[in-house]
Amino acid sequence: MAGEIVVAGATGGLGSRIAAKLAGRGVVVRALVRTATTGAAVGRLESAGIEIRRVVVAALATLGGLEERLRGHVRWAAAATRAAASSRSS
């Protein structure tokens, strides 16, 4: 697998695992991280070769058309997350 992907929530439990797996498969991963986020979570991402992109969350709403461009991808991620959760509880 090759390519590039942006991961929002990459300092969280699920997001960090997804970002690390993608990076391990040769994908260029850019993690959207809140400007105030510091510490071990950011360090682990950097150690995995993941690029950190600091963002002001409120500013994301001002990016014209962002929601429309992400719509299909966000649904896919939500569906994959639900499927993974279901398989763990079975």
Protein backbone atom coordinates (compact mmCIF):
# COMPACT_ATOMS: atom_id res chain seq x y z
CA MET A 1 0.00 0.00 0.00
CA ALA A 2 1.30 3.44 -0.86
CA GLY A 3 -0.08 6.93 -0.94
CA GLU A 4 -0.89 9.71 1.48
CA ILE A 5 -3.58 10.08 4.10
CA VAL A 6 -4.54 12.64 6.73
CA VAL A 7 -5.69 11.22 10.07
CA ALA A 8 -7.74 13.35 12.42
CA GLY A 9 -7.77 12.13 16.01
CA ALA A 10 -4.37 10.47 15.65
CA THR A 11 -3.40 11.17 19.27
CA GLY A 12 -6.36 9.13 20.53
CA GLY A 13 -6.47 5.39 21.08
CA LEU A 14 -8.05 4.30 17.80
CA GLY A 15 -6.59 7.07 15.66
CA SER A 16 -3.04 6.39 16.83
CA ARG A 17 -3.35 2.68 15.99
CA ILE A 18 -4.76 3.46 12.54
CA ALA A 19 -2.01 6.01 11.84
CA ALA A 20 0.74 3.62 12.97
CA LYS A 21 -0.62 0.73 10.86
CA LEU A 22 -0.82 2.93 7.78
CA ALA A 23 2.69 4.28 8.31
CA GLY A 24 3.93 0.72 8.76
CA ARG A 25 2.47 -0.13 5.34
CA GLY A 26 4.38 2.66 3.64
CA VAL A 27 1.63 5.26 3.56
CA VAL A 28 2.67 8.87 4.15
CA VAL A 29 0.57 9.82 7.17
CA ARG A 30 -0.12 13.36 8.28
CA ALA A 31 -1.76 13.63 11.67
CA LEU A 32 -4.03 16.57 12.42
CA VAL A 33 -3.21 17.50 16.01
CA ARG A 34 -4.75 20.28 18.06
CA THR A 35 -2.32 23.10 18.70
CA ALA A 36 -2.41 22.53 22.47
CA THR A 37 -1.70 18.77 22.27
CA THR A 38 1.76 17.81 23.51
CA GLY A 39 3.43 14.92 25.24
CA ALA A 40 3.79 11.22 24.72
CA ALA A 41 1.00 10.81 22.15
CA VAL A 42 2.65 13.28 19.78
CA GLY A 43 6.08 11.77 20.46
CA ARG A 44 4.83 8.28 19.53
CA LEU A 45 3.46 9.56 16.24
CA GLU A 46 6.71 11.32 15.41
CA SER A 47 8.69 8.19 16.32
CA ALA A 48 6.56 6.22 13.85
CA GLY A 49 7.54 8.68 11.10
CA ILE A 50 4.16 10.39 11.05
CA GLU A 51 4.08 14.07 10.10
CA ILE A 52 2.39 16.29 12.67
CA ARG A 53 0.16 19.06 11.35
CA ARG A 54 -1.05 21.36 14.10
CA VAL A 55 -4.51 22.79 13.58
CA VAL A 56 -6.89 25.14 15.31
CA VAL A 57 -10.05 23.04 15.39
CA ALA A 58 -12.38 26.04 15.07
CA ALA A 59 -10.54 27.08 11.90
CA LEU A 60 -11.44 23.80 10.14
CA ALA A 61 -15.04 24.97 9.80
CA THR A 62 -13.87 27.93 7.71
CA LEU A 63 -12.32 25.75 5.00
CA GLY A 64 -14.88 26.06 2.24
CA GLY A 65 -16.26 22.73 1.07
CA LEU A 66 -14.21 20.63 3.47
CA GLU A 67 -17.23 18.79 4.83
CA GLU A 68 -18.42 17.97 1.30
CA ARG A 69 -14.99 16.68 0.23
CA LEU A 70 -14.73 14.45 3.31
CA ARG A 71 -18.31 13.18 3.38
CA GLY A 72 -17.77 9.77 1.75
CA HIS A 73 -14.52 9.13 3.57
CA VAL A 74 -15.93 9.96 6.97
CA ARG A 75 -18.81 7.53 6.45
CA TRP A 76 -16.33 4.81 5.50
CA ALA A 77 -14.24 5.42 8.62
CA ALA A 78 -17.31 5.37 10.85
CA ALA A 79 -18.54 2.13 9.27
CA ALA A 80 -15.12 0.51 9.66
CA THR A 81 -14.97 1.57 13.29
CA ARG A 82 -18.42 0.09 14.01
CA ALA A 83 -17.46 -3.17 12.26
CA ALA A 84 -14.25 -3.46 14.27
CA ALA A 85 -16.11 -2.81 17.53
CA SER A 86 -18.72 -5.44 16.65
CA SER A 87 -16.11 -8.08 15.89
CA ARG A 88 -14.37 -7.46 19.23
CA SER A 89 -17.60 -7.85 21.22
CA SER A 90 -18.63 -11.08 19.44
